[in-house]
Amino acid sequence: MRGIAAREKRYVEVISRTDEEGRVTPLVVVWSDGRRYDIDRVLDRRRACSLKTGGTGVRYTVSVGGRSTYLFFEGPRWFVEAKVADLPD
């Protein structure tokens, strides 16, 4: 059996676009070590809490490399629910 992945709130750099209506669209997530992850699509955006790490703001459901994940805008910063370790069952 696989363990449960613990999560932590990790603030990240995000390159985004803001349109004339004020809508923010994230385009690229930049990890602290410089790795860049292009966002294929924004699938959903809504006000929501992170149930795994705490915090609230606008939760973006995004597709990165064909996989769906959450990206949170907790103005003025962005964060992800980063995997930190595998815990035994």
Foldseek 3Di string as FASTA:
>chain_A
DFFDFAWEKDWWDWDWDADPVRDIGTAWTAHPVGDIWGWPDFPDWDWDFDPRYTDTAIWTFTATPNDTAIWGCRPPTIIGGDTDDGDHD
